[in-house]
Amino acid sequence: MAAGGDGDREDELGRASAPARHLLGWRAELLVGLRHEMGGATVISVIEKKSERTAIGEVVERLTHKHPTVSPLTVADIVQQMHARFDGRPVRDFVPLLVERNANAALTKLGA
């Protein structure tokens, strides 16, 4: 795996929408930085977390479009709250799906 420079980090974060960047925040910076500094099994773990973060950013984007009457920052905050509920859980495969369902329900109540 080739390590990129700082320009790669800016590209990865720059492609996200404002709500997604708000949600990713310092954790994305940390994960991208760790990917370049560590080797072996840790890199695989960091990449998996980055993939989950990417999926959560996509959840923010979808829900922002689905709930146009709700502020994008509110959408990002609700998704972050739902995502935080899964901190420390060992099985991560369905976390983005569960976060999206829970956040969608909360946003539907908020918009009603």
PDB file of N, CA and C in Angstrom:
ATOM      1  N   MET A   1       0.852  -1.176   0.000  1.00  0.00           N
ATOM      2  CA  MET A   1       0.000   0.000   0.000  1.00  0.00           C
ATOM      3  C   MET A   1       0.889   1.227   0.000  1.00  0.00           C
ATOM      4  N   ALA A   2       0.664   2.102  -0.926  1.00  0.00           N
ATOM      5  CA  ALA A   2       1.484   3.308  -1.039  1.00  0.00           C
ATOM      6  C   ALA A   2       0.958   4.379  -0.103  1.00  0.00           C
ATOM      7  N   ALA A   3       1.855   5.004   0.590  1.00  0.00           N
ATOM      8  CA  ALA A   3       1.448   6.094   1.481  1.00  0.00           C
ATOM      9  C   ALA A   3       1.415   7.387   0.695  1.00  0.00           C
ATOM     10  N   GLY A   4       0.368   8.169   0.906  1.00  0.00           N
ATOM     11  CA  GLY A   4       0.253   9.449   0.218  1.00  0.00           C
ATOM     12  C   GLY A   4       0.760  10.567   1.088  1.00  0.00           C
ATOM     13  N   GLY A   5       0.845  11.723   0.494  1.00  0.00           N
ATOM     14  CA  GLY A   5       1.289  12.890   1.243  1.00  0.00           C
ATOM     15  C   GLY A   5       0.113  13.630   1.835  1.00  0.00           C
ATOM     16  N   ASP A   6       0.367  14.814   2.323  1.00  0.00           N
ATOM     17  CA  ASP A   6      -0.687  15.628   2.911  1.00  0.00           C
ATOM     18  C   ASP A   6      -1.760  15.981   1.899  1.00  0.00           C
ATOM     19  N   GLY A   7      -1.408  16.083   0.639  1.00  0.00           N
ATOM     20  CA  GLY A   7      -2.385  16.383  -0.399  1.00  0.00           C
ATOM     21  C   GLY A   7      -3.461  15.319  -0.488  1.00  0.00           C
ATOM     22  N   ASP A   8      -3.071  14.040  -0.266  1.00  0.00           N
ATOM     23  CA  ASP A   8      -4.053  12.950  -0.277  1.00  0.00           C
ATOM     24  C   ASP A   8      -5.052  13.129   0.853  1.00  0.00           C
ATOM     25  N   ARG A   9      -4.572  13.508   2.017  1.00  0.00           N
ATOM     26  CA  ARG A   9      -5.457  13.700   3.163  1.00  0.00           C
ATOM     27  C   ARG A   9      -6.463  14.804   2.869  1.00  0.00           C
ATOM     28  N   GLU A  10      -5.993  15.901   2.302  1.00  0.00           N
ATOM     29  CA  GLU A  10      -6.896  16.999   1.968  1.00  0.00           C
ATOM     30  C   GLU A  10      -7.903  16.572   0.919  1.00  0.00           C
ATOM     31  N   ASP A  11      -7.476  15.763  -0.061  1.00  0.00           N
ATOM     32  CA  ASP A  11      -8.390  15.283  -1.095  1.00  0.00           C
ATOM     33  C   ASP A  11      -9.488  14.421  -0.483  1.00  0.00           C
ATOM     34  N   GLU A  12      -9.113  13.501   0.409  1.00  0.00           N
ATOM     35  CA  GLU A  12     -10.094  12.610   1.018  1.00  0.00           C
ATOM     36  C   GLU A  12     -11.128  13.398   1.813  1.00  0.00           C
ATOM     37  N   LEU A  13     -10.684  14.362   2.596  1.00  0.00           N
ATOM     38  CA  LEU A  13     -11.610  15.134   3.405  1.00  0.00           C
ATOM     39  C   LEU A  13     -12.334  16.184   2.571  1.00  0.00           C
ATOM     40  N   GLY A  14     -11.667  16.692   1.537  1.00  0.00           N
ATOM     41  CA  GLY A  14     -12.251  17.734   0.709  1.00  0.00           C
ATOM     42  C   GLY A  14     -13.423  17.245  -0.121  1.00  0.00           C
ATOM     43  N   ARG A  15     -13.472  15.942  -0.423  1.00  0.00           N
ATOM     44  CA  ARG A  15     -14.560  15.401  -1.233  1.00  0.00           C
ATOM     45  C   ARG A  15     -15.856  15.297  -0.450  1.00  0.00           C
ATOM     46  N   ALA A  16     -15.803  15.281   0.844  1.00  0.00           N
ATOM     47  CA  ALA A  16     -17.004  15.151   1.666  1.00  0.00           C
ATOM     48  C   ALA A  16     -17.765  16.474   1.686  1.00  0.00           C
ATOM     49  N   SER A  17     -19.095  16.377   1.818  1.00  0.00           N
ATOM     50  CA  SER A  17     -19.906  17.582   1.937  1.00  0.00           C
ATOM     51  C   SER A  17     -19.641  18.233   3.288  1.00  0.00           C
ATOM     52  N   ALA A  18     -20.136  19.450   3.465  1.00  0.00           N
ATOM     53  CA  ALA A  18     -19.948  20.149   4.744  1.00  0.00           C
ATOM     54  C   ALA A  18     -20.508  19.338   5.917  1.00  0.00           C
ATOM     55  N   PRO A  19     -21.738  18.773   5.836  1.00  0.00           N
ATOM     56  CA  PRO A  19     -22.218  17.972   6.970  1.00  0.00           C
ATOM     57  C   PRO A  19     -21.349  16.749   7.222  1.00  0.00           C
ATOM     58  N   ALA A  20     -20.880  16.118   6.151  1.00  0.00           N
ATOM     59  CA  ALA A  20     -20.040  14.935   6.331  1.00  0.00           C
ATOM     60  C   ALA A  20     -18.705  15.321   6.960  1.00  0.00           C
ATOM     61  N   ARG A  21     -18.111  16.447   6.531  1.00  0.00           N
ATOM     62  CA  ARG A  21     -16.852  16.898   7.139  1.00  0.00           C
ATOM     63  C   ARG A  21     -17.069  17.227   8.612  1.00  0.00           C
ATOM     64  N   HIS A  22     -18.216  17.831   8.933  1.00  0.00           N
ATOM     65  CA  HIS A  22     -18.536  18.130  10.328  1.00  0.00           C
ATOM     66  C   HIS A  22     -18.583  16.840  11.140  1.00  0.00           C
ATOM     67  N   LEU A  23     -19.217  15.815  10.584  1.00  0.00           N
ATOM     68  CA  LEU A  23     -19.340  14.540  11.281  1.00  0.00           C
ATOM     69  C   LEU A  23     -17.993  13.854  11.415  1.00  0.00           C
ATOM     70  N   LEU A  24     -17.201  13.848  10.346  1.00  0.00           N
ATOM     71  CA  LEU A  24     -15.925  13.150  10.370  1.00  0.00           C
ATOM     72  C   LEU A  24     -14.924  13.838  11.287  1.00  0.00           C
ATOM     73  N   GLY A  25     -14.854  15.141  11.201  1.00  0.00           N
ATOM     74  CA  GLY A  25     -14.031  15.951  12.092  1.00  0.00           C
ATOM     75  C   GLY A  25     -12.636  15.412  12.327  1.00  0.00           C
ATOM     76  N   TRP A  26     -12.167  15.533  13.565  1.00  0.00           N
ATOM     77  CA  TRP A  26     -10.808  15.164  13.922  1.00  0.00           C
ATOM     78  C   TRP A  26     -10.564  13.680  13.792  1.00  0.00           C
ATOM     79  N   ARG A  27     -11.606  12.860  13.913  1.00  0.00           N
ATOM     80  CA  ARG A  27     -11.396  11.417  13.824  1.00  0.00           C
ATOM     81  C   ARG A  27     -10.910  11.024  12.441  1.00  0.00           C
ATOM     82  N   ALA A  28     -11.458  11.638  11.408  1.00  0.00           N
ATOM     83  CA  ALA A  28     -10.998  11.337  10.053  1.00  0.00           C
ATOM     84  C   ALA A  28      -9.553  11.759   9.890  1.00  0.00           C
ATOM     85  N   GLU A  29      -9.201  12.927  10.411  1.00  0.00           N
ATOM     86  CA  GLU A  29      -7.816  13.387  10.350  1.00  0.00           C
ATOM     87  C   GLU A  29      -6.903  12.384  11.046  1.00  0.00           C
ATOM     88  N   LEU A  30      -7.316  11.907  12.217  1.00  0.00           N
ATOM     89  CA  LEU A  30      -6.520  10.958  12.979  1.00  0.00           C
ATOM     90  C   LEU A  30      -6.361   9.655  12.204  1.00  0.00           C
ATOM     91  N   LEU A  31      -7.463   9.135  11.653  1.00  0.00           N
ATOM     92  CA  LEU A  31      -7.390   7.869  10.935  1.00  0.00           C
ATOM     93  C   LEU A  31      -6.528   7.975   9.689  1.00  0.00           C
ATOM     94  N   VAL A  32      -6.667   9.060   8.950  1.00  0.00           N
ATOM     95  CA  VAL A  32      -5.848   9.240   7.751  1.00  0.00           C
ATOM     96  C   VAL A  32      -4.384   9.346   8.163  1.00  0.00           C
ATOM     97  N   GLY A  33      -4.101  10.074   9.233  1.00  0.00           N
ATOM     98  CA  GLY A  33      -2.732  10.201   9.720  1.00  0.00           C
ATOM     99  C   GLY A  33      -2.167   8.873  10.180  1.00  0.00           C
ATOM    100  N   LEU A  34      -2.953   8.075  10.883  1.00  0.00           N
ATOM    101  CA  LEU A  34      -2.490   6.779  11.355  1.00  0.00           C
ATOM    102  C   LEU A  34      -2.186   5.850  10.190  1.00  0.00           C
ATOM    103  N   ARG A  35      -2.990   5.933   9.148  1.00  0.00           N
ATOM    104  CA  ARG A  35      -2.785   5.067   7.992  1.00  0.00           C
ATOM    105  C   ARG A  35      -1.390   5.273   7.414  1.00  0.00           C
ATOM    106  N   HIS A  36      -0.892   6.495   7.471  1.00  0.00           N
ATOM    107  CA  HIS A  36       0.408   6.802   6.892  1.00  0.00           C
ATOM    108  C   HIS A  36       1.560   6.502   7.851  1.00  0.00           C
ATOM    109  N   GLU A  37       1.287   6.392   9.145  1.00  0.00           N
ATOM    110  CA  GLU A  37       2.355   6.251  10.123  1.00  0.00           C
ATOM    111  C   GLU A  37       2.544   4.827  10.622  1.00  0.00           C
ATOM    112  N   MET A  38       1.518   3.989  10.562  1.00  0.00           N
ATOM    113  CA  MET A  38       1.605   2.657  11.152  1.00  0.00           C
ATOM    114  C   MET A  38       1.671   1.589  10.071  1.00  0.00           C
ATOM    115  N   GLY A  39       2.104   0.401  10.463  1.00  0.00           N
ATOM    116  CA  GLY A  39       2.203  -0.698   9.507  1.00  0.00           C
ATOM    117  C   GLY A  39       1.536  -1.948  10.036  1.00  0.00           C
ATOM    118  N   GLY A  40       1.535  -2.996   9.210  1.00  0.00           N
ATOM    119  CA  GLY A  40       1.034  -4.294   9.624  1.00  0.00           C
ATOM    120  C   GLY A  40      -0.457  -4.333   9.863  1.00  0.00           C
ATOM    121  N   ALA A  41      -0.861  -5.093  10.866  1.00  0.00           N
ATOM    122  CA  ALA A  41      -2.277  -5.322  11.167  1.00  0.00           C
ATOM    123  C   ALA A  41      -2.987  -4.033  11.558  1.00  0.00           C
ATOM    124  N   THR A  42      -2.282  -3.096  12.146  1.00  0.00           N
ATOM    125  CA  THR A  42      -2.907  -1.838  12.541  1.00  0.00           C
ATOM    126  C   THR A  42      -3.446  -1.098  11.329  1.00  0.00           C
ATOM    127  N   VAL A  43      -2.739  -1.146  10.226  1.00  0.00           N
ATOM    128  CA  VAL A  43      -3.195  -0.469   9.010  1.00  0.00           C
ATOM    129  C   VAL A  43      -4.523  -1.046   8.563  1.00  0.00           C
ATOM    130  N   ILE A  44      -4.662  -2.361   8.610  1.00  0.00           N
ATOM    131  CA  ILE A  44      -5.919  -3.000   8.211  1.00  0.00           C
ATOM    132  C   ILE A  44      -7.049  -2.515   9.112  1.00  0.00           C
ATOM    133  N   SER A  45      -6.803  -2.456  10.407  1.00  0.00           N
ATOM    134  CA  SER A  45      -7.809  -1.972  11.348  1.00  0.00           C
ATOM    135  C   SER A  45      -8.191  -0.533  11.048  1.00  0.00           C
ATOM    136  N   VAL A  46      -7.214   0.314  10.774  1.00  0.00           N
ATOM    137  CA  VAL A  46      -7.479   1.712  10.482  1.00  0.00           C
ATOM    138  C   VAL A  46      -8.281   1.838   9.194  1.00  0.00           C
ATOM    139  N   ILE A  47      -7.936   1.052   8.195  1.00  0.00           N
ATOM    140  CA  ILE A  47      -8.658   1.087   6.924  1.00  0.00           C
ATOM    141  C   ILE A  47     -10.113   0.681   7.137  1.00  0.00           C
ATOM    142  N   GLU A  48     -10.365  -0.341   7.950  1.00  0.00           N
ATOM    143  CA  GLU A  48     -11.736  -0.750   8.223  1.00  0.00           C
ATOM    144  C   GLU A  48     -12.509   0.380   8.893  1.00  0.00           C
ATOM    145  N   LYS A  49     -11.907   1.069   9.841  1.00  0.00           N
ATOM    146  CA  LYS A  49     -12.573   2.185  10.497  1.00  0.00           C
ATOM    147  C   LYS A  49     -12.824   3.311   9.505  1.00  0.00           C
ATOM    148  N   LYS A  50     -11.899   3.557   8.615  1.00  0.00           N
ATOM    149  CA  LYS A  50     -12.074   4.585   7.600  1.00  0.00           C
ATOM    150  C   LYS A  50     -13.249   4.230   6.703  1.00  0.00           C
ATOM    151  N   SER A  51     -13.395   2.974   6.356  1.00  0.00           N
ATOM    152  CA  SER A  51     -14.515   2.541   5.525  1.00  0.00           C
ATOM    153  C   SER A  51     -15.843   2.787   6.239  1.00  0.00           C
ATOM    154  N   GLU A  52     -15.892   2.516   7.523  1.00  0.00           N
ATOM    155  CA  GLU A  52     -17.108   2.781   8.293  1.00  0.00           C
ATOM    156  C   GLU A  52     -17.371   4.281   8.324  1.00  0.00           C
ATOM    157  N   ARG A  53     -16.342   5.060   8.506  1.00  0.00           N
ATOM    158  CA  ARG A  53     -16.489   6.514   8.520  1.00  0.00           C
ATOM    159  C   ARG A  53     -16.995   7.019   7.179  1.00  0.00           C
ATOM    160  N   THR A  54     -16.477   6.448   6.110  1.00  0.00           N
ATOM    161  CA  THR A  54     -16.943   6.835   4.777  1.00  0.00           C
ATOM    162  C   THR A  54     -18.425   6.516   4.635  1.00  0.00           C
ATOM    163  N   ALA A  55     -18.825   5.326   5.084  1.00  0.00           N
ATOM    164  CA  ALA A  55     -20.229   4.923   5.015  1.00  0.00           C
ATOM    165  C   ALA A  55     -21.109   5.848   5.855  1.00  0.00           C
ATOM    166  N   ILE A  56     -20.634   6.254   7.016  1.00  0.00           N
ATOM    167  CA  ILE A  56     -21.398   7.161   7.873  1.00  0.00           C
ATOM    168  C   ILE A  56     -21.510   8.532   7.214  1.00  0.00           C
ATOM    169  N   GLY A  57     -20.457   8.985   6.566  1.00  0.00           N
ATOM    170  CA  GLY A  57     -20.520  10.242   5.814  1.00  0.00           C
ATOM    171  C   GLY A  57     -21.560  10.170   4.707  1.00  0.00           C
ATOM    172  N   GLU A  58     -21.647   9.016   4.049  1.00  0.00           N
ATOM    173  CA  GLU A  58     -22.653   8.822   3.003  1.00  0.00           C
ATOM    174  C   GLU A  58     -24.063   8.807   3.598  1.00  0.00           C
ATOM    175  N   VAL A  59     -24.203   8.273   4.810  1.00  0.00           N
ATOM    176  CA  VAL A  59     -25.498   8.298   5.508  1.00  0.00           C
ATOM    177  C   VAL A  59     -25.923   9.749   5.729  1.00  0.00           C
ATOM    178  N   VAL A  60     -24.984  10.588   6.175  1.00  0.00           N
ATOM    179  CA  VAL A  60     -25.289  12.007   6.388  1.00  0.00           C
ATOM    180  C   VAL A  60     -25.772  12.635   5.082  1.00  0.00           C
ATOM    181  N   GLU A  61     -25.084  12.336   4.005  1.00  0.00           N
ATOM    182  CA  GLU A  61     -25.469  12.904   2.702  1.00  0.00           C
ATOM    183  C   GLU A  61     -26.877  12.459   2.300  1.00  0.00           C
ATOM    184  N   ARG A  62     -27.159  11.149   2.399  1.00  0.00           N
ATOM    185  CA  ARG A  62     -28.485  10.641   2.010  1.00  0.00           C
ATOM    186  C   ARG A  62     -29.587  11.245   2.869  1.00  0.00           C
ATOM    187  N   LEU A  63     -29.361  11.288   4.180  1.00  0.00           N
ATOM    188  CA  LEU A  63     -30.399  11.805   5.073  1.00  0.00           C
ATOM    189  C   LEU A  63     -30.578  13.311   4.930  1.00  0.00           C
ATOM    190  N   THR A  64     -29.523  14.020   4.574  1.00  0.00           N
ATOM    191  CA  THR A  64     -29.644  15.457   4.317  1.00  0.00           C
ATOM    192  C   THR A  64     -30.565  15.697   3.124  1.00  0.00           C
ATOM    193  N   HIS A  65     -30.421  14.874   2.097  1.00  0.00           N
ATOM    194  CA  HIS A  65     -31.288  14.995   0.913  1.00  0.00           C
ATOM    195  C   HIS A  65     -32.704  14.520   1.208  1.00  0.00           C
ATOM    196  N   LYS A  66     -32.835  13.515   2.036  1.00  0.00           N
ATOM    197  CA  LYS A  66     -34.153  12.945   2.354  1.00  0.00           C
ATOM    198  C   LYS A  66     -34.965  13.862   3.268  1.00  0.00           C
ATOM    199  N   HIS A  67     -34.281  14.649   4.092  1.00  0.00           N
ATOM    200  CA  HIS A  67     -34.936  15.545   5.052  1.00  0.00           C
ATOM    201  C   HIS A  67     -34.486  16.981   4.788  1.00  0.00           C
ATOM    202  N   PRO A  68     -34.934  17.581   3.690  1.00  0.00           N
ATOM    203  CA  PRO A  68     -34.446  18.922   3.320  1.00  0.00           C
ATOM    204  C   PRO A  68     -34.892  20.034   4.263  1.00  0.00           C
ATOM    205  N   THR A  69     -35.921  19.794   5.077  1.00  0.00           N
ATOM    206  CA  THR A  69     -36.380  20.833   6.001  1.00  0.00           C
ATOM    207  C   THR A  69     -35.556  20.862   7.295  1.00  0.00           C
ATOM    208  N   VAL A  70     -34.711  19.875   7.479  1.00  0.00           N
ATOM    209  CA  VAL A  70     -33.866  19.804   8.674  1.00  0.00           C
ATOM    210  C   VAL A  70     -32.478  20.321   8.306  1.00  0.00           C
ATOM    211  N   SER A  71     -31.917  21.142   9.162  1.00  0.00           N
ATOM    212  CA  SER A  71     -30.580  21.691   8.940  1.00  0.00           C
ATOM    213  C   SER A  71     -29.562  20.568   8.721  1.00  0.00           C
ATOM    214  N   PRO A  72     -28.674  20.724   7.746  1.00  0.00           N
ATOM    215  CA  PRO A  72     -27.637  19.701   7.527  1.00  0.00           C
ATOM    216  C   PRO A  72     -26.778  19.434   8.766  1.00  0.00           C
ATOM    217  N   LEU A  73     -26.513  20.472   9.553  1.00  0.00           N
ATOM    218  CA  LEU A  73     -25.740  20.256  10.786  1.00  0.00           C
ATOM    219  C   LEU A  73     -26.528  19.445  11.805  1.00  0.00           C
ATOM    220  N   THR A  74     -27.840  19.643  11.840  1.00  0.00           N
ATOM    221  CA  THR A  74     -28.685  18.848  12.729  1.00  0.00           C
ATOM    222  C   THR A  74     -28.669  17.395  12.292  1.00  0.00           C
ATOM    223  N   VAL A  75     -28.755  17.176  10.987  1.00  0.00           N
ATOM    224  CA  VAL A  75     -28.681  15.807  10.463  1.00  0.00           C
ATOM    225  C   VAL A  75     -27.360  15.171  10.882  1.00  0.00           C
ATOM    226  N   ALA A  76     -26.259  15.877  10.682  1.00  0.00           N
ATOM    227  CA  ALA A  76     -24.939  15.350  11.042  1.00  0.00           C
ATOM    228  C   ALA A  76     -24.845  15.065  12.538  1.00  0.00           C
ATOM    229  N   ASP A  77     -25.403  15.951  13.364  1.00  0.00           N
ATOM    230  CA  ASP A  77     -25.375  15.743  14.817  1.00  0.00           C
ATOM    231  C   ASP A  77     -26.174  14.510  15.220  1.00  0.00           C
ATOM    232  N   ILE A  78     -27.338  14.334  14.626  1.00  0.00           N
ATOM    233  CA  ILE A  78     -28.171  13.171  14.961  1.00  0.00           C
ATOM    234  C   ILE A  78     -27.482  11.885  14.513  1.00  0.00           C
ATOM    235  N   VAL A  79     -26.909  11.891  13.316  1.00  0.00           N
ATOM    236  CA  VAL A  79     -26.180  10.706  12.848  1.00  0.00           C
ATOM    237  C   VAL A  79     -25.017  10.415  13.787  1.00  0.00           C
ATOM    238  N   GLN A  80     -24.295  11.446  14.212  1.00  0.00           N
ATOM    239  CA  GLN A  80     -23.181  11.258  15.147  1.00  0.00           C
ATOM    240  C   GLN A  80     -23.667  10.648  16.465  1.00  0.00           C
ATOM    241  N   GLN A  81     -24.791  11.134  16.981  1.00  0.00           N
ATOM    242  CA  GLN A  81     -25.346  10.582  18.222  1.00  0.00           C
ATOM    243  C   GLN A  81     -25.699   9.106  18.053  1.00  0.00           C
ATOM    244  N   MET A  82     -26.324   8.769  16.941  1.00  0.00           N
ATOM    245  CA  MET A  82     -26.697   7.380  16.686  1.00  0.00           C
ATOM    246  C   MET A  82     -25.452   6.512  16.509  1.00  0.00           C
ATOM    247  N   HIS A  83     -24.443   7.051  15.851  1.00  0.00           N
ATOM    248  CA  HIS A  83     -23.206   6.305  15.639  1.00  0.00           C
ATOM    249  C   HIS A  83     -22.485   6.065  16.963  1.00  0.00           C
ATOM    250  N   ALA A  84     -22.524   7.049  17.842  1.00  0.00           N
ATOM    251  CA  ALA A  84     -21.845   6.928  19.145  1.00  0.00           C
ATOM    252  C   ALA A  84     -22.436   5.797  19.983  1.00  0.00           C
ATOM    253  N   ARG A  85     -23.684   5.461  19.747  1.00  0.00           N
ATOM    254  CA  ARG A  85     -24.319   4.363  20.489  1.00  0.00           C
ATOM    255  C   ARG A  85     -23.633   3.024  20.230  1.00  0.00           C
ATOM    256  N   PHE A  86     -22.914   2.926  19.130  1.00  0.00           N
ATOM    257  CA  PHE A  86     -22.266   1.672  18.762  1.00  0.00           C
ATOM    258  C   PHE A  86     -20.778   1.652  19.106  1.00  0.00           C
ATOM    259  N   ASP A  87     -20.296   2.688  19.785  1.00  0.00           N
ATOM    260  CA  ASP A  87     -18.893   2.709  20.205  1.00  0.00           C
ATOM    261  C   ASP A  87     -18.606   1.506  21.100  1.00  0.00           C
ATOM    262  N   GLY A  88     -17.493   0.859  20.851  1.00  0.00           N
ATOM    263  CA  GLY A  88     -17.078  -0.273  21.674  1.00  0.00           C
ATOM    264  C   GLY A  88     -17.716  -1.599  21.309  1.00  0.00           C
ATOM    265  N   ARG A  89     -18.617  -1.606  20.366  1.00  0.00           N
ATOM    266  CA  ARG A  89     -19.245  -2.858  19.943  1.00  0.00           C
ATOM    267  C   ARG A  89     -18.291  -3.583  18.991  1.00  0.00           C
ATOM    268  N   PRO A  90     -18.104  -4.880  19.196  1.00  0.00           N
ATOM    269  CA  PRO A  90     -17.100  -5.586  18.395  1.00  0.00           C
ATOM    270  C   PRO A  90     -17.507  -5.835  16.939  1.00  0.00           C
ATOM    271  N   VAL A  91     -18.767  -6.072  16.668  1.00  0.00           N
ATOM    272  CA  VAL A  91     -19.204  -6.356  15.299  1.00  0.00           C
ATOM    273  C   VAL A  91     -19.619  -5.045  14.647  1.00  0.00           C
ATOM    274  N   ARG A  92     -18.925  -4.678  13.567  1.00  0.00           N
ATOM    275  CA  ARG A  92     -19.112  -3.367  12.945  1.00  0.00           C
ATOM    276  C   ARG A  92     -19.807  -3.436  11.584  1.00  0.00           C
ATOM    277  N   ASP A  93     -20.051  -4.642  11.068  1.00  0.00           N
ATOM    278  CA  ASP A  93     -20.542  -4.802   9.701  1.00  0.00           C
ATOM    279  C   ASP A  93     -21.828  -4.035   9.407  1.00  0.00           C
ATOM    280  N   PHE A  94     -22.754  -4.014  10.337  1.00  0.00           N
ATOM    281  CA  PHE A  94     -24.056  -3.411  10.076  1.00  0.00           C
ATOM    282  C   PHE A  94     -24.260  -2.061  10.751  1.00  0.00           C
ATOM    283  N   VAL A  95     -23.210  -1.526  11.339  1.00  0.00           N
ATOM    284  CA  VAL A  95     -23.324  -0.252  12.055  1.00  0.00           C
ATOM    285  C   VAL A  95     -23.866   0.867  11.157  1.00  0.00           C
ATOM    286  N   PRO A  96     -23.322   1.090   9.957  1.00  0.00           N
ATOM    287  CA  PRO A  96     -23.870   2.177   9.128  1.00  0.00           C
ATOM    288  C   PRO A  96     -25.363   1.994   8.810  1.00  0.00           C
ATOM    289  N   LEU A  97     -25.780   0.774   8.539  1.00  0.00           N
ATOM    290  CA  LEU A  97     -27.193   0.509   8.263  1.00  0.00           C
ATOM    291  C   LEU A  97     -28.057   0.831   9.481  1.00  0.00           C
ATOM    292  N   LEU A  98     -27.627   0.371  10.652  1.00  0.00           N
ATOM    293  CA  LEU A  98     -28.394   0.624  11.870  1.00  0.00           C
ATOM    294  C   LEU A  98     -28.407   2.112  12.225  1.00  0.00           C
ATOM    295  N   VAL A  99     -27.290   2.772  12.031  1.00  0.00           N
ATOM    296  CA  VAL A  99     -27.221   4.216  12.276  1.00  0.00           C
ATOM    297  C   VAL A  99     -28.200   4.936  11.355  1.00  0.00           C
ATOM    298  N   GLU A 100     -28.212   4.562  10.071  1.00  0.00           N
ATOM    299  CA  GLU A 100     -29.105   5.227   9.119  1.00  0.00           C
ATOM    300  C   GLU A 100     -30.574   5.021   9.499  1.00  0.00           C
ATOM    301  N   ARG A 101     -30.937   3.810   9.857  1.00  0.00           N
ATOM    302  CA  ARG A 101     -32.329   3.549  10.248  1.00  0.00           C
ATOM    303  C   ARG A 101     -32.724   4.344  11.489  1.00  0.00           C
ATOM    304  N   ASN A 102     -31.873   4.335  12.509  1.00  0.00           N
ATOM    305  CA  ASN A 102     -32.182   5.058  13.742  1.00  0.00           C
ATOM    306  C   ASN A 102     -32.217   6.567  13.523  1.00  0.00           C
ATOM    307  N   ALA A 103     -31.262   7.077  12.762  1.00  0.00           N
ATOM    308  CA  ALA A 103     -31.221   8.517  12.498  1.00  0.00           C
ATOM    309  C   ALA A 103     -32.412   8.935  11.645  1.00  0.00           C
ATOM    310  N   ASN A 104     -32.787   8.119  10.672  1.00  0.00           N
ATOM    311  CA  ASN A 104     -33.941   8.433   9.825  1.00  0.00           C
ATOM    312  C   ASN A 104     -35.204   8.519  10.674  1.00  0.00           C
ATOM    313  N   ALA A 105     -35.383   7.588  11.602  1.00  0.00           N
ATOM    314  CA  ALA A 105     -36.549   7.614  12.485  1.00  0.00           C
ATOM    315  C   ALA A 105     -36.558   8.874  13.337  1.00  0.00           C
ATOM    316  N   ALA A 106     -35.402   9.231  13.883  1.00  0.00           N
ATOM    317  CA  ALA A 106     -35.313  10.444  14.709  1.00  0.00           C
ATOM    318  C   ALA A 106     -35.585  11.700  13.882  1.00  0.00           C
ATOM    319  N   LEU A 107     -35.068  11.735  12.666  1.00  0.00           N
ATOM    320  CA  LEU A 107     -35.267  12.904  11.800  1.00  0.00           C
ATOM    321  C   LEU A 107     -36.728  13.007  11.336  1.00  0.00           C
ATOM    322  N   THR A 108     -37.356  11.870  11.107  1.00  0.00           N
ATOM    323  CA  THR A 108     -38.772  11.860  10.730  1.00  0.00           C
ATOM    324  C   THR A 108     -39.615  12.441  11.864  1.00  0.00           C
ATOM    325  N   LYS A 109     -39.324  12.063  13.086  1.00  0.00           N
ATOM    326  CA  LYS A 109     -40.034  12.626  14.238  1.00  0.00           C
ATOM    327  C   LYS A 109     -39.779  14.123  14.361  1.00  0.00           C
ATOM    328  N   LEU A 110     -38.539  14.514  14.136  1.00  0.00           N
ATOM    329  CA  LEU A 110     -38.142  15.922  14.254  1.00  0.00           C
ATOM    330  C   LEU A 110     -38.845  16.778  13.192  1.00  0.00           C
ATOM    331  N   GLY A 111     -38.937  16.241  11.982  1.00  0.00           N
ATOM    332  CA  GLY A 111     -39.552  16.981  10.878  1.00  0.00           C
ATOM    333  C   GLY A 111     -41.064  16.959  10.886  1.00  0.00           C
ATOM    334  N   ALA A 112     -41.661  16.076  11.675  1.00  0.00           N
ATOM    335  CA  ALA A 112     -43.129  15.945  11.682  1.00  0.00           C
ATOM    336  C   ALA A 112     -43.825  17.031  12.436  1.00  0.00           C
TER     337      ALA A 112
END
